[in-house]
């Protein structure tokens, strides 16, 4: 009888442990997801910050390169250029995104009241699309240069 009791206890313990493990893993997964989200947000924020600190960064880089050789200097310059291009790309993307969202919002607003002057709105939309096209072209150009 005692043995049976012991066995039962052991089984119960095992079950409990398993359950705990499962819950823990789930929690971990959730945490990971949250972290990922946070990281994304941070990245965007960092990008914004970088734009501010870019000048100081450039100055620092210049100081560094003066100490290093010419070859290194060139490498550094290339890196900086690449970074700048990436920044530009990000900014462009954001700009286009914003524009698109704005357009959507505008469309929503326009649909509410039947206004007589529809044609000028169309013109505005056309302008927006043109702007977007130019942006995309710029982006492609930048990619080509890289």
N, C-alpha and C. Protein backbone atom coordinates (compact mmCIF):
# COMPACT_ATOMS: atom_id res chain seq x y z
N UNK A 1 0.84 -1.20 0.00
CA UNK A 1 0.00 0.00 0.00
C UNK A 1 0.88 1.25 0.00
N UNK A 2 1.85 1.21 0.87
CA UNK A 2 2.74 2.36 0.98
C UNK A 2 3.42 2.63 -0.37
N UNK A 3 3.84 1.55 -0.98
CA UNK A 3 4.52 1.64 -2.26
C UNK A 3 3.62 2.31 -3.30
N UNK A 4 2.37 1.88 -3.32
CA UNK A 4 1.40 2.42 -4.26
C UNK A 4 1.26 3.92 -4.05
N UNK A 5 1.14 4.30 -2.79
CA UNK A 5 0.99 5.70 -2.44
C UNK A 5 2.17 6.49 -2.97
N UNK A 6 3.35 5.95 -2.75
CA UNK A 6 4.58 6.61 -3.19
C UNK A 6 4.55 6.81 -4.69
N UNK A 7 4.16 5.76 -5.39
CA UNK A 7 4.12 5.79 -6.85
C UNK A 7 3.18 6.89 -7.31
N UNK A 8 2.01 6.93 -6.68
CA UNK A 8 1.00 7.91 -7.03
C UNK A 8 1.57 9.31 -6.85
N UNK A 9 2.22 9.50 -5.72
CA UNK A 9 2.80 10.79 -5.41
C UNK A 9 3.78 11.20 -6.49
N UNK A 10 4.62 10.25 -6.86
CA UNK A 10 5.65 10.50 -7.87
C UNK A 10 5.00 10.92 -9.18
N UNK A 11 3.97 10.18 -9.55
CA UNK A 11 3.27 10.45 -10.80
C UNK A 11 2.71 11.86 -10.78
N UNK A 12 2.08 12.19 -9.66
CA UNK A 12 1.48 13.51 -9.50
C UNK A 12 2.54 14.58 -9.68
N UNK A 13 3.67 14.36 -9.03
CA UNK A 13 4.77 15.31 -9.09
C UNK A 13 5.22 15.50 -10.53
N UNK A 14 5.35 14.39 -11.23
CA UNK A 14 5.79 14.43 -12.62
C UNK A 14 4.83 15.25 -13.45
N UNK A 15 3.54 14.98 -13.25
CA UNK A 15 2.51 15.67 -14.00
C UNK A 15 2.62 17.17 -13.75
N UNK A 16 2.75 17.51 -12.48
CA UNK A 16 2.85 18.91 -12.09
C UNK A 16 4.03 19.56 -12.80
N UNK A 17 5.15 18.86 -12.78
CA UNK A 17 6.37 19.36 -13.40
C UNK A 17 6.14 19.63 -14.88
N UNK A 18 5.50 18.66 -15.53
CA UNK A 18 5.25 18.78 -16.96
C UNK A 18 4.40 20.01 -17.24
N UNK A 19 3.35 20.17 -16.44
CA UNK A 19 2.45 21.29 -16.61
C UNK A 19 3.22 22.59 -16.46
N UNK A 20 4.04 22.64 -15.44
CA UNK A 20 4.83 23.83 -15.16
C UNK A 20 5.71 24.16 -16.35
N UNK A 21 6.34 23.13 -16.89
CA UNK A 21 7.23 23.31 -18.03
C UNK A 21 6.47 23.91 -19.20
N UNK A 22 5.30 23.34 -19.46
CA UNK A 22 4.48 23.80 -20.57
C UNK A 22 4.17 25.28 -20.40
N UNK A 23 3.70 25.63 -19.22
CA UNK A 23 3.33 27.01 -18.93
C UNK A 23 4.54 27.92 -19.11
N UNK A 24 5.67 27.46 -18.60
CA UNK A 24 6.90 28.24 -18.70
C UNK A 24 7.26 28.50 -20.15
N UNK A 25 7.19 27.45 -20.95
CA UNK A 25 7.53 27.60 -22.37
C UNK A 25 6.60 28.61 -23.03
N UNK A 26 5.32 28.50 -22.71
CA UNK A 26 4.33 29.41 -23.27
C UNK A 26 4.69 30.84 -22.90
N UNK A 27 4.99 31.03 -21.62
CA UNK A 27 5.35 32.35 -21.12
C UNK A 27 6.55 32.88 -21.87
N UNK A 28 7.53 32.01 -22.05
CA UNK A 28 8.75 32.39 -22.74
C UNK A 28 8.44 32.86 -24.15
N UNK A 29 7.58 32.09 -24.82
CA UNK A 29 7.19 32.43 -26.19
C UNK A 29 6.58 33.82 -26.22
N UNK A 30 5.66 34.05 -25.30
CA UNK A 30 4.98 35.33 -25.22
C UNK A 30 5.99 36.44 -25.02
N UNK A 31 6.90 36.21 -24.10
CA UNK A 31 7.93 37.19 -23.79
C UNK A 31 8.74 37.51 -25.02
N UNK A 32 9.10 36.46 -25.76
CA UNK A 32 9.91 36.62 -26.96
C UNK A 32 9.18 37.52 -27.95
N UNK A 33 7.90 37.23 -28.14
CA UNK A 33 7.09 38.01 -29.07
C UNK A 33 7.10 39.47 -28.66
N UNK A 34 6.86 39.70 -27.37
CA UNK A 34 6.82 41.05 -26.84
C UNK A 34 8.15 41.74 -27.11
N UNK A 35 9.23 41.03 -26.83
CA UNK A 35 10.57 41.57 -27.01
C UNK A 35 10.77 41.98 -28.46
N UNK A 36 10.33 41.11 -29.37
CA UNK A 36 10.47 41.39 -30.79
C UNK A 36 9.79 42.70 -31.14
N UNK A 37 8.55 42.83 -30.66
CA UNK A 37 7.78 44.04 -30.92
C UNK A 37 8.53 45.26 -30.41
N UNK A 38 8.99 45.15 -29.16
CA UNK A 38 9.70 46.24 -28.53
C UNK A 38 10.92 46.61 -29.36
N UNK A 39 11.63 45.58 -29.82
CA UNK A 39 12.84 45.80 -30.60
C UNK A 39 12.52 46.59 -31.85
N UNK A 40 11.43 46.21 -32.50
CA UNK A 40 11.03 46.88 -33.73
C UNK A 40 10.81 48.36 -33.45
N UNK A 41 10.04 48.64 -32.38
CA UNK A 41 9.75 50.01 -31.99
C UNK A 41 11.04 50.76 -31.73
N UNK A 42 11.92 50.12 -30.98
CA UNK A 42 13.19 50.73 -30.62
C UNK A 42 13.98 51.06 -31.87
N UNK A 43 13.96 50.13 -32.84
CA UNK A 43 14.71 50.32 -34.07
C UNK A 43 14.25 51.58 -34.78
N UNK A 44 12.94 51.73 -34.87
CA UNK A 44 12.38 52.90 -35.55
C UNK A 44 12.82 54.16 -34.82
N UNK A 45 12.72 54.10 -33.50
CA UNK A 45 13.10 55.25 -32.69
C UNK A 45 14.57 55.57 -32.89
N UNK A 46 15.38 54.51 -32.91
CA UNK A 46 16.82 54.67 -33.09
C UNK A 46 17.10 55.36 -34.41
N UNK A 47 16.36 54.94 -35.44
CA UNK A 47 16.54 55.53 -36.76
C UNK A 47 16.34 57.04 -36.67
N UNK A 48 15.26 57.44 -35.99
CA UNK A 48 14.95 58.86 -35.83
C UNK A 48 16.10 59.56 -35.11
N UNK A 49 16.58 58.92 -34.05
CA UNK A 49 17.66 59.49 -33.26
C UNK A 49 18.90 59.64 -34.13
N UNK A 50 19.17 58.59 -34.92
CA UNK A 50 20.35 58.56 -35.76
C UNK A 50 20.40 59.77 -36.67
N UNK A 51 19.25 60.13 -37.22
CA UNK A 51 19.19 61.27 -38.12
C UNK A 51 19.72 62.51 -37.40
N UNK A 52 19.36 62.64 -36.12
CA UNK A 52 19.81 63.78 -35.32
C UNK A 52 21.33 63.70 -35.11
N UNK A 53 21.76 62.51 -34.71
CA UNK A 53 23.17 62.36 -34.29
C UNK A 53 24.10 62.10 -35.46
N UNK A 54 23.55 62.07 -36.69
CA UNK A 54 24.35 61.72 -37.86
C UNK A 54 25.54 62.66 -38.00
N UNK A 55 25.31 63.95 -37.81
CA UNK A 55 26.37 64.94 -37.99
C UNK A 55 27.52 64.68 -37.02
N UNK A 56 27.18 64.50 -35.77
CA UNK A 56 28.21 64.23 -34.76
C UNK A 56 28.96 62.96 -35.12
N UNK A 57 28.20 61.96 -35.58
CA UNK A 57 28.79 60.69 -35.98
C UNK A 57 29.82 60.93 -37.08
N UNK A 58 29.43 61.74 -38.05
CA UNK A 58 30.30 62.04 -39.18
C UNK A 58 31.59 62.66 -38.68
N UNK A 59 31.46 63.61 -37.76
CA UNK A 59 32.61 64.30 -37.20
C UNK A 59 33.54 63.28 -36.55
N UNK A 60 32.94 62.40 -35.74
CA UNK A 60 33.70 61.38 -35.04
C UNK A 60 34.45 60.51 -36.03
N UNK A 61 33.73 60.10 -37.07
CA UNK A 61 34.30 59.24 -38.10
C UNK A 61 35.51 59.92 -38.72
N UNK A 62 35.37 61.20 -39.02
CA UNK A 62 36.45 61.97 -39.63
C UNK A 62 37.68 61.93 -38.73
N UNK A 63 37.45 62.17 -37.44
CA UNK A 63 38.53 62.16 -36.47
C UNK A 63 39.25 60.81 -36.51
N UNK A 64 38.43 59.74 -36.50
CA UNK A 64 38.96 58.38 -36.50
C UNK A 64 39.80 58.15 -37.74
N UNK A 65 39.23 58.50 -38.88
CA UNK A 65 39.88 58.23 -40.17
C UNK A 65 41.20 58.97 -40.28
N UNK A 66 41.30 60.14 -39.69
CA UNK A 66 42.54 60.90 -39.75
C UNK A 66 43.67 60.10 -39.13
N UNK A 67 43.34 59.37 -38.06
CA UNK A 67 44.35 58.54 -37.39
C UNK A 67 44.70 57.32 -38.24
N UNK A 68 43.68 56.80 -38.95
CA UNK A 68 43.91 55.57 -39.74
C UNK A 68 44.54 55.87 -41.09
N UNK A 69 44.83 54.79 -41.84
CA UNK A 69 45.45 54.94 -43.17
C UNK A 69 44.41 55.32 -44.21
N UNK A 70 44.90 55.61 -45.42
CA UNK A 70 44.02 56.05 -46.50
C UNK A 70 43.05 54.94 -46.89
N UNK A 71 43.56 53.71 -46.96
CA UNK A 71 42.74 52.56 -47.34
C UNK A 71 41.55 52.45 -46.39
N UNK A 72 41.85 52.50 -45.09
CA UNK A 72 40.82 52.41 -44.07
C UNK A 72 39.82 53.54 -44.26
N UNK A 73 40.36 54.69 -44.56
CA UNK A 73 39.53 55.88 -44.77
C UNK A 73 38.48 55.60 -45.85
N UNK A 74 38.96 55.01 -46.94
CA UNK A 74 38.06 54.71 -48.04
C UNK A 74 36.98 53.72 -47.60
N UNK A 75 37.41 52.71 -46.86
CA UNK A 75 36.48 51.69 -46.37
C UNK A 75 35.41 52.34 -45.50
N UNK A 76 35.90 53.21 -44.60
CA UNK A 76 35.00 53.90 -43.69
C UNK A 76 33.99 54.71 -44.48
N UNK A 77 34.50 55.44 -45.46
CA UNK A 77 33.64 56.29 -46.27
C UNK A 77 32.55 55.46 -46.93
N UNK A 78 32.97 54.31 -47.45
CA UNK A 78 32.01 53.42 -48.11
C UNK A 78 30.92 53.00 -47.13
N UNK A 79 31.37 52.64 -45.93
CA UNK A 79 30.44 52.21 -44.89
C UNK A 79 29.45 53.32 -44.58
N UNK A 80 30.00 54.53 -44.40
CA UNK A 80 29.16 55.68 -44.05
C UNK A 80 28.14 55.91 -45.15
N UNK A 81 28.62 55.85 -46.39
CA UNK A 81 27.75 56.07 -47.54
C UNK A 81 26.60 55.06 -47.53
N UNK A 82 26.98 53.81 -47.29
CA UNK A 82 25.97 52.74 -47.26
C UNK A 82 24.94 53.03 -46.18
N UNK A 83 25.45 53.42 -45.01
CA UNK A 83 24.57 53.71 -43.89
C UNK A 83 23.61 54.83 -44.25
N UNK A 84 24.17 55.87 -44.85
CA UNK A 84 23.38 57.03 -45.25
C UNK A 84 22.28 56.60 -46.21
N UNK A 85 22.69 55.75 -47.16
CA UNK A 85 21.73 55.29 -48.16
C UNK A 85 20.60 54.53 -47.49
N UNK A 86 20.98 53.68 -46.54
CA UNK A 86 19.98 52.90 -45.81
C UNK A 86 19.00 53.84 -45.12
N UNK A 87 19.56 54.87 -44.47
CA UNK A 87 18.74 55.85 -43.77
C UNK A 87 17.77 56.49 -44.74
N UNK A 88 18.31 56.90 -45.87
CA UNK A 88 17.50 57.57 -46.88
C UNK A 88 16.36 56.67 -47.30
N UNK A 89 16.69 55.39 -47.54
CA UNK A 89 15.70 54.41 -47.96
C UNK A 89 14.59 54.34 -46.92
N UNK A 90 15.01 54.22 -45.67
CA UNK A 90 14.04 54.11 -44.57
C UNK A 90 13.12 55.32 -44.58
N UNK A 91 13.73 56.50 -44.68
CA UNK A 91 12.97 57.74 -44.64
C UNK A 91 11.97 57.79 -45.79
N UNK A 92 12.46 57.41 -46.97
CA UNK A 92 11.61 57.41 -48.16
C UNK A 92 10.41 56.50 -47.94
N UNK A 93 10.71 55.29 -47.45
CA UNK A 93 9.67 54.30 -47.20
C UNK A 93 8.62 54.90 -46.28
N UNK A 94 9.11 55.51 -45.20
CA UNK A 94 8.21 56.10 -44.21
C UNK A 94 7.35 57.17 -44.86
N UNK A 95 8.00 58.01 -45.68
CA UNK A 95 7.31 59.10 -46.35
C UNK A 95 6.18 58.56 -47.20
N UNK A 96 6.53 57.55 -48.01
CA UNK A 96 5.53 56.96 -48.92
C UNK A 96 4.39 56.36 -48.11
N UNK A 97 4.76 55.65 -47.05
CA UNK A 97 3.78 55.02 -46.18
C UNK A 97 2.81 56.08 -45.66
N UNK A 98 3.39 57.19 -45.14
CA UNK A 98 2.60 58.27 -44.58
C UNK A 98 1.64 58.81 -45.63
N UNK A 99 2.19 59.03 -46.82
CA UNK A 99 1.38 59.58 -47.91
C UNK A 99 0.19 58.69 -48.20
N UNK A 100 0.48 57.39 -48.28
CA UNK A 100 -0.56 56.41 -48.59
C UNK A 100 -1.66 56.46 -47.54
N UNK A 101 -1.22 56.47 -46.29
CA UNK A 101 -2.18 56.51 -45.17
C UNK A 101 -3.02 57.78 -45.27
N UNK A 102 -2.33 58.88 -45.55
CA UNK A 102 -2.99 60.18 -45.67
C UNK A 102 -4.06 60.12 -46.75
N UNK A 103 -3.68 59.54 -47.87
CA UNK A 103 -4.61 59.42 -49.00
C UNK A 103 -5.84 58.63 -48.59
N UNK A 104 -5.59 57.54 -47.89
CA UNK A 104 -6.69 56.69 -47.43
C UNK A 104 -7.64 57.49 -46.55
N UNK A 105 -7.03 58.23 -45.62
CA UNK A 105 -7.83 59.03 -44.68
C UNK A 105 -8.65 60.06 -45.45
N UNK A 106 -7.97 60.72 -46.40
CA UNK A 106 -8.64 61.74 -47.21
C UNK A 106 -9.83 61.15 -47.94
N UNK A 107 -9.60 59.97 -48.52
CA UNK A 107 -10.68 59.29 -49.26
C UNK A 107 -11.87 59.05 -48.34
N UNK A 108 -11.57 58.58 -47.15
CA UNK A 108 -12.63 58.30 -46.17
C UNK A 108 -13.42 59.57 -45.87
N UNK A 109 -12.69 60.66 -45.70
CA UNK A 109 -13.34 61.93 -45.37
C UNK A 109 -14.22 62.39 -46.52
N UNK A 110 -13.70 62.25 -47.74
CA UNK A 110 -14.41 62.74 -48.93
C UNK A 110 -15.72 61.98 -49.15
N UNK A 111 -15.72 60.70 -48.82
CA UNK A 111 -16.89 59.86 -49.11
C UNK A 111 -18.11 60.26 -48.27
N UNK A 112 -17.87 60.96 -47.16
CA UNK A 112 -18.98 61.31 -46.27
C UNK A 112 -19.93 62.32 -46.92
N UNK A 113 -19.36 63.45 -47.37
CA UNK A 113 -20.22 64.51 -47.92
C UNK A 113 -20.06 64.56 -49.43
N UNK A 114 -21.19 64.64 -50.14
CA UNK A 114 -21.15 64.70 -51.61
C UNK A 114 -20.86 66.13 -52.05
N UNK A 115 -19.60 66.42 -52.19
CA UNK A 115 -19.21 67.78 -52.56
C UNK A 115 -19.21 67.92 -54.08
N UNK A 116 -19.47 69.13 -54.57
CA UNK A 116 -19.53 69.37 -56.02
C UNK A 116 -18.15 69.41 -56.65
N UNK A 117 -17.19 69.92 -55.89
CA UNK A 117 -15.83 70.11 -56.46
C UNK A 117 -14.99 68.83 -56.28
N UNK A 118 -15.32 67.83 -57.11
CA UNK A 118 -14.59 66.55 -57.04
C UNK A 118 -13.30 66.61 -57.86
N UNK A 119 -13.34 67.41 -58.94
CA UNK A 119 -12.22 67.38 -59.90
C UNK A 119 -10.89 67.82 -59.29
N UNK A 120 -10.93 68.85 -58.45
CA UNK A 120 -9.66 69.33 -57.87
C UNK A 120 -9.08 68.29 -56.89
N UNK A 121 -9.98 67.55 -56.23
CA UNK A 121 -9.51 66.47 -55.34
C UNK A 121 -8.74 65.44 -56.15
N UNK A 122 -9.29 65.14 -57.33
CA UNK A 122 -8.63 64.19 -58.23
C UNK A 122 -7.24 64.68 -58.59
N UNK A 123 -7.18 65.99 -58.86
CA UNK A 123 -5.88 66.59 -59.20
C UNK A 123 -4.89 66.39 -58.06
N UNK A 124 -5.38 66.63 -56.86
CA UNK A 124 -4.52 66.46 -55.68
C UNK A 124 -4.01 65.03 -55.60
N UNK A 125 -4.93 64.10 -55.83
CA UNK A 125 -4.56 62.68 -55.78
C UNK A 125 -3.49 62.38 -56.82
N UNK A 126 -3.70 62.97 -58.00
CA UNK A 126 -2.75 62.76 -59.09
C UNK A 126 -1.37 63.27 -58.69
N UNK A 127 -1.37 64.43 -58.07
CA UNK A 127 -0.12 65.03 -57.60
C UNK A 127 0.58 64.07 -56.64
N UNK A 128 -0.22 63.53 -55.72
CA UNK A 128 0.30 62.61 -54.72
C UNK A 128 0.94 61.41 -55.40
N UNK A 129 0.23 60.86 -56.37
CA UNK A 129 0.72 59.68 -57.06
C UNK A 129 2.03 60.01 -57.77
N UNK A 130 2.07 61.19 -58.39
CA UNK A 130 3.28 61.64 -59.08
C UNK A 130 4.45 61.69 -58.11
N UNK A 131 4.17 62.28 -56.95
CA UNK A 131 5.19 62.40 -55.91
C UNK A 131 5.72 61.02 -55.55
N UNK A 132 4.79 60.09 -55.37
CA UNK A 132 5.16 58.73 -55.00
C UNK A 132 6.05 58.11 -56.05
N UNK A 133 5.67 58.32 -57.32
CA UNK A 133 6.45 57.78 -58.43
C UNK A 133 7.87 58.31 -58.38
N UNK A 134 7.99 59.62 -58.15
CA UNK A 134 9.31 60.26 -58.09
C UNK A 134 10.12 59.64 -56.96
N UNK A 135 9.46 59.46 -55.81
CA UNK A 135 10.11 58.88 -54.64
C UNK A 135 10.66 57.51 -54.98
N UNK A 136 9.80 56.69 -55.61
CA UNK A 136 10.19 55.32 -55.93
C UNK A 136 11.39 55.35 -56.88
N UNK A 137 11.33 56.26 -57.84
CA UNK A 137 12.43 56.40 -58.80
C UNK A 137 13.72 56.73 -58.07
N UNK A 138 13.61 57.67 -57.13
CA UNK A 138 14.79 58.07 -56.36
C UNK A 138 15.37 56.87 -55.63
N UNK A 139 14.47 56.10 -55.03
CA UNK A 139 14.90 54.93 -54.27
C UNK A 139 15.64 53.95 -55.17
N UNK A 140 15.07 53.71 -56.35
CA UNK A 140 15.70 52.77 -57.28
C UNK A 140 17.07 53.28 -57.68
N UNK A 141 17.16 54.58 -57.91
CA UNK A 141 18.43 55.20 -58.28
C UNK A 141 19.47 54.93 -57.21
N UNK A 142 19.05 55.14 -55.97
CA UNK A 142 19.95 54.95 -54.84
C UNK A 142 20.44 53.51 -54.79
N UNK A 143 19.51 52.60 -55.01
CA UNK A 143 19.86 51.17 -55.01
C UNK A 143 20.89 50.89 -56.09
N UNK A 144 20.67 51.49 -57.27
CA UNK A 144 21.58 51.30 -58.40
C UNK A 144 22.98 51.76 -58.01
N UNK A 145 23.04 52.93 -57.37
CA UNK A 145 24.33 53.52 -56.99
C UNK A 145 25.07 52.62 -56.02
N UNK A 146 24.33 52.00 -55.11
CA UNK A 146 24.98 51.17 -54.07
C UNK A 146 25.74 50.00 -54.68
